[in-house]
N, C-alpha and C. Protein backbone atom coordinates (compact mmCIF):
# COMPACT_ATOMS: atom_id res chain seq x y z
N UNK A 1 144.14 214.19 159.11
CA UNK A 1 143.93 214.14 157.70
C UNK A 1 144.88 215.09 157.00
N UNK A 2 145.03 216.28 157.52
CA UNK A 2 145.90 217.27 156.89
C UNK A 2 147.34 216.76 156.80
N UNK A 3 147.79 216.04 157.82
CA UNK A 3 149.17 215.56 157.86
C UNK A 3 149.47 214.56 156.74
N UNK A 4 148.54 213.69 156.38
CA UNK A 4 148.80 212.64 155.40
C UNK A 4 148.37 213.01 153.98
N UNK A 5 147.65 214.11 153.82
CA UNK A 5 147.18 214.51 152.50
C UNK A 5 148.30 215.22 151.75
N UNK A 6 148.53 214.83 150.47
CA UNK A 6 149.53 215.49 149.64
C UNK A 6 149.08 216.90 149.32
N UNK A 7 150.04 217.77 148.97
CA UNK A 7 149.71 219.13 148.57
C UNK A 7 148.75 219.06 147.38
N UNK A 8 147.68 219.84 147.43
CA UNK A 8 146.61 219.85 146.43
C UNK A 8 145.83 218.54 146.38
N UNK A 9 146.06 217.66 147.38
CA UNK A 9 145.31 216.42 147.44
C UNK A 9 143.88 216.68 147.93
N UNK A 10 142.96 215.78 147.61
CA UNK A 10 141.56 215.95 147.97
C UNK A 10 141.16 214.99 149.07
N UNK A 11 140.25 215.43 149.89
CA UNK A 11 139.64 214.61 150.93
C UNK A 11 138.15 214.60 150.64
N UNK A 12 137.57 213.42 150.39
CA UNK A 12 136.14 213.29 150.11
C UNK A 12 135.58 212.26 151.08
N UNK A 13 134.51 212.61 151.75
CA UNK A 13 133.91 211.68 152.69
C UNK A 13 132.40 211.84 152.71
N UNK A 14 131.70 210.76 152.98
CA UNK A 14 130.26 210.78 153.22
C UNK A 14 130.07 210.05 154.52
N UNK A 15 129.44 210.71 155.49
CA UNK A 15 129.33 210.14 156.82
C UNK A 15 127.96 210.37 157.42
N UNK A 16 127.71 209.61 158.45
CA UNK A 16 126.52 209.86 159.26
C UNK A 16 126.74 211.18 159.98
N UNK A 17 125.73 212.03 159.97
CA UNK A 17 125.89 213.39 160.44
C UNK A 17 125.97 213.57 161.93
N UNK A 18 126.49 214.69 162.27
CA UNK A 18 126.54 215.19 163.62
C UNK A 18 126.51 216.71 163.58
N UNK A 19 126.25 217.24 162.38
CA UNK A 19 126.18 218.69 162.14
C UNK A 19 127.46 219.37 162.60
N UNK A 20 128.60 218.75 162.25
CA UNK A 20 129.85 219.29 162.74
C UNK A 20 130.92 219.44 161.66
N UNK A 21 130.59 220.04 160.56
CA UNK A 21 131.55 220.23 159.46
C UNK A 21 132.50 221.39 159.72
N UNK A 22 132.14 222.33 160.51
CA UNK A 22 132.88 223.57 160.67
C UNK A 22 134.30 223.33 161.17
N UNK A 23 134.54 222.27 161.93
CA UNK A 23 135.87 222.02 162.48
C UNK A 23 136.93 221.81 161.40
N UNK A 24 136.54 221.33 160.22
CA UNK A 24 137.52 221.11 159.16
C UNK A 24 138.18 222.41 158.72
N UNK A 25 137.44 223.51 158.73
CA UNK A 25 138.03 224.79 158.35
C UNK A 25 139.10 225.19 159.35
N UNK A 26 138.95 224.81 160.60
CA UNK A 26 139.88 225.19 161.65
C UNK A 26 141.19 224.43 161.59
N UNK A 27 141.28 223.30 160.87
CA UNK A 27 142.53 222.55 160.76
C UNK A 27 143.25 222.84 159.45
N UNK A 28 142.81 223.82 158.69
CA UNK A 28 143.52 224.25 157.50
C UNK A 28 143.07 223.62 156.20
N UNK A 29 141.93 223.00 156.16
CA UNK A 29 141.40 222.47 154.91
C UNK A 29 140.38 223.45 154.34
N UNK A 30 140.41 223.62 153.04
CA UNK A 30 139.45 224.50 152.38
C UNK A 30 138.26 223.66 151.93
N UNK A 31 137.08 223.99 152.43
CA UNK A 31 135.87 223.28 152.04
C UNK A 31 135.49 223.72 150.63
N UNK A 32 135.49 222.78 149.70
CA UNK A 32 135.12 223.08 148.31
C UNK A 32 133.61 222.97 148.14
N UNK A 33 133.06 221.87 148.61
CA UNK A 33 131.62 221.65 148.57
C UNK A 33 131.21 220.85 149.79
N UNK A 34 129.99 221.05 150.24
CA UNK A 34 129.44 220.22 151.31
C UNK A 34 127.95 220.08 151.08
N UNK A 35 127.45 218.93 151.42
CA UNK A 35 126.03 218.63 151.26
C UNK A 35 125.53 218.02 152.55
N UNK A 36 124.31 218.29 152.85
CA UNK A 36 123.67 217.69 154.02
C UNK A 36 122.27 217.27 153.61
N UNK A 37 121.84 216.13 154.11
CA UNK A 37 120.52 215.64 153.77
C UNK A 37 119.94 214.87 154.95
N UNK A 38 118.64 214.80 154.98
CA UNK A 38 117.91 214.06 156.00
C UNK A 38 116.97 213.07 155.31
N UNK A 39 117.53 212.03 154.69
CA UNK A 39 116.66 211.07 153.99
C UNK A 39 115.85 210.24 154.97
N UNK A 40 114.78 209.65 154.45
CA UNK A 40 113.94 208.78 155.28
C UNK A 40 114.36 207.32 155.12
N UNK A 41 114.36 206.63 156.22
CA UNK A 41 114.57 205.19 156.22
C UNK A 41 113.20 204.60 156.55
N UNK A 42 112.62 203.88 155.62
CA UNK A 42 111.25 203.38 155.79
C UNK A 42 111.27 201.89 156.13
N UNK A 43 110.52 201.54 157.18
CA UNK A 43 110.38 200.16 157.60
C UNK A 43 108.91 199.75 157.47
N UNK A 44 108.70 198.54 156.96
CA UNK A 44 107.35 198.02 156.77
C UNK A 44 106.97 196.96 157.81
N UNK A 45 107.95 196.53 158.60
CA UNK A 45 107.64 195.61 159.69
C UNK A 45 108.72 195.70 160.75
N UNK A 46 108.38 195.29 161.95
CA UNK A 46 109.29 195.40 163.08
C UNK A 46 110.46 194.44 162.95
N UNK A 47 110.28 193.34 162.23
CA UNK A 47 111.40 192.41 162.02
C UNK A 47 112.54 193.08 161.26
N UNK A 48 112.21 193.94 160.32
CA UNK A 48 113.23 194.67 159.57
C UNK A 48 113.99 195.64 160.49
N UNK A 49 113.28 196.23 161.42
CA UNK A 49 113.93 197.13 162.39
C UNK A 49 114.88 196.34 163.28
N UNK A 50 114.44 195.19 163.73
CA UNK A 50 115.30 194.34 164.57
C UNK A 50 116.55 193.93 163.80
N UNK A 51 116.38 193.52 162.56
CA UNK A 51 117.53 193.14 161.72
C UNK A 51 118.47 194.33 161.56
N UNK A 52 117.92 195.48 161.26
CA UNK A 52 118.73 196.70 161.09
C UNK A 52 119.53 197.00 162.36
N UNK A 53 118.89 196.98 163.50
CA UNK A 53 119.56 197.31 164.75
C UNK A 53 120.62 196.28 165.14
N UNK A 54 120.44 195.05 164.71
CA UNK A 54 121.46 194.03 164.98
C UNK A 54 122.65 194.16 164.03
N UNK A 55 122.42 194.66 162.83
CA UNK A 55 123.51 194.79 161.86
C UNK A 55 124.21 196.15 161.93
N UNK A 56 123.61 197.10 162.62
CA UNK A 56 124.20 198.43 162.81
C UNK A 56 124.30 198.66 164.32
N UNK A 57 125.23 197.99 164.99
CA UNK A 57 125.27 197.99 166.45
C UNK A 57 125.57 199.35 167.08
N UNK A 58 126.14 200.27 166.33
CA UNK A 58 126.43 201.59 166.90
C UNK A 58 125.19 202.46 167.00
N UNK A 59 124.09 202.06 166.35
CA UNK A 59 122.85 202.85 166.43
C UNK A 59 122.28 202.83 167.84
N UNK A 60 122.13 201.64 168.40
CA UNK A 60 121.72 201.46 169.80
C UNK A 60 122.64 200.38 170.36
N UNK A 61 123.76 200.77 170.97
CA UNK A 61 124.79 199.80 171.38
C UNK A 61 124.30 198.67 172.29
N UNK A 62 123.34 198.93 173.13
CA UNK A 62 122.88 197.88 174.05
C UNK A 62 121.60 197.21 173.57
N UNK A 63 121.33 197.26 172.27
CA UNK A 63 120.06 196.73 171.75
C UNK A 63 119.96 195.22 171.92
N UNK A 64 118.79 194.82 172.38
CA UNK A 64 118.36 193.42 172.35
C UNK A 64 116.84 193.44 172.29
N UNK A 65 116.27 192.41 171.71
CA UNK A 65 114.81 192.35 171.60
C UNK A 65 114.19 192.33 172.99
N UNK A 66 114.76 191.56 173.89
CA UNK A 66 114.21 191.48 175.25
C UNK A 66 114.23 192.85 175.95
N UNK A 67 115.35 193.53 175.85
CA UNK A 67 115.50 194.81 176.54
C UNK A 67 114.55 195.87 175.97
N UNK A 68 114.32 195.85 174.68
CA UNK A 68 113.51 196.87 174.02
C UNK A 68 112.15 196.34 173.55
N UNK A 69 111.71 195.26 174.14
CA UNK A 69 110.46 194.63 173.72
C UNK A 69 109.27 195.59 173.73
N UNK A 70 109.09 196.34 174.81
CA UNK A 70 107.95 197.25 174.91
C UNK A 70 108.00 198.35 173.83
N UNK A 71 109.19 198.89 173.59
CA UNK A 71 109.33 199.91 172.54
C UNK A 71 109.07 199.31 171.16
N UNK A 72 109.57 198.11 170.94
CA UNK A 72 109.34 197.44 169.66
C UNK A 72 107.86 197.15 169.44
N UNK A 73 107.19 196.82 170.51
CA UNK A 73 105.73 196.57 170.43
C UNK A 73 104.99 197.85 170.01
N UNK A 74 105.39 198.99 170.58
CA UNK A 74 104.77 200.27 170.21
C UNK A 74 105.03 200.60 168.74
N UNK A 75 106.26 200.36 168.30
CA UNK A 75 106.59 200.60 166.89
C UNK A 75 105.78 199.66 166.00
N UNK A 76 105.67 198.41 166.40
CA UNK A 76 104.87 197.43 165.65
C UNK A 76 103.43 197.92 165.49
N UNK A 77 102.85 198.44 166.57
CA UNK A 77 101.47 198.93 166.51
C UNK A 77 101.34 200.11 165.55
N UNK A 78 102.34 201.02 165.55
CA UNK A 78 102.31 202.14 164.61
C UNK A 78 102.39 201.66 163.17
N UNK A 79 103.23 200.66 162.93
CA UNK A 79 103.35 200.09 161.58
C UNK A 79 102.03 199.44 161.17
N UNK A 80 101.37 198.78 162.09
CA UNK A 80 100.08 198.15 161.79
C UNK A 80 99.03 199.19 161.40
N UNK A 81 99.07 200.35 162.05
CA UNK A 81 98.12 201.42 161.75
C UNK A 81 98.39 202.07 160.39
N UNK A 82 99.64 202.40 160.11
CA UNK A 82 100.02 203.15 158.90
C UNK A 82 100.51 202.29 157.75
N UNK A 83 101.00 201.11 158.06
CA UNK A 83 101.59 200.27 157.03
C UNK A 83 103.11 200.41 156.94
N UNK A 84 103.66 201.40 157.60
CA UNK A 84 105.11 201.63 157.61
C UNK A 84 105.45 202.66 158.69
N UNK A 85 106.74 202.82 158.93
CA UNK A 85 107.22 203.90 159.80
C UNK A 85 108.46 204.49 159.14
N UNK A 86 108.54 205.81 159.10
CA UNK A 86 109.69 206.51 158.55
C UNK A 86 110.58 207.00 159.68
N UNK A 87 111.86 206.76 159.53
CA UNK A 87 112.87 207.22 160.48
C UNK A 87 113.78 208.19 159.73
N UNK A 88 114.02 209.36 160.33
CA UNK A 88 114.86 210.35 159.67
C UNK A 88 116.33 210.05 159.93
N UNK A 89 117.11 209.98 158.85
CA UNK A 89 118.55 209.81 158.95
C UNK A 89 119.23 211.16 158.76
N UNK A 90 120.51 211.23 159.08
CA UNK A 90 121.28 212.45 158.87
C UNK A 90 122.58 212.07 158.17
N UNK A 91 122.80 212.63 156.99
CA UNK A 91 124.00 212.34 156.21
C UNK A 91 124.63 213.65 155.76
N UNK A 92 125.95 213.63 155.64
CA UNK A 92 126.63 214.76 155.03
C UNK A 92 127.80 214.26 154.22
N UNK A 93 128.17 215.05 153.22
CA UNK A 93 129.31 214.75 152.36
C UNK A 93 130.16 216.01 152.30
N UNK A 94 131.48 215.82 152.36
CA UNK A 94 132.40 216.95 152.34
C UNK A 94 133.45 216.73 151.26
N UNK A 95 133.73 217.75 150.47
CA UNK A 95 134.85 217.78 149.55
C UNK A 95 135.76 218.89 150.07
N UNK A 96 136.99 218.53 150.45
CA UNK A 96 137.93 219.51 150.99
C UNK A 96 139.26 219.38 150.29
N UNK A 97 140.04 220.45 150.34
CA UNK A 97 141.35 220.45 149.69
C UNK A 97 142.37 221.09 150.60
N UNK A 98 143.58 220.52 150.61
CA UNK A 98 144.66 221.04 151.43
C UNK A 98 145.26 222.28 150.77
C-alpha cells in the first residue's frame, strides 16, 4: 500500500477484523483514526444461516448442509426456543496517511 500511495495520499478501509491494525504503523503509515466494533448479526431461522454461509464461502470454506446437519439442527433448536440467534461479528475501519 505504501508503495502505490501518493505523498499525502489517504488509505481508508473497512474490513472483517483480525485485531491486527498495529502492523500498519510498522510499514510507515500514520494511523489517523481507527474504529473497531463487534456488531450482532441476527438470524431468525436456520434457512437464513444456510443462505448466508453459501453466499459468504470464506466464513466456513467446507460448508454444506449435509456436512453440518447436526450443528444446524442444534442452531435451529436454539432459534425455536428464543426466536432468533445472535452471532458476533468483528469489524474495523482504518484511516491512514503516508
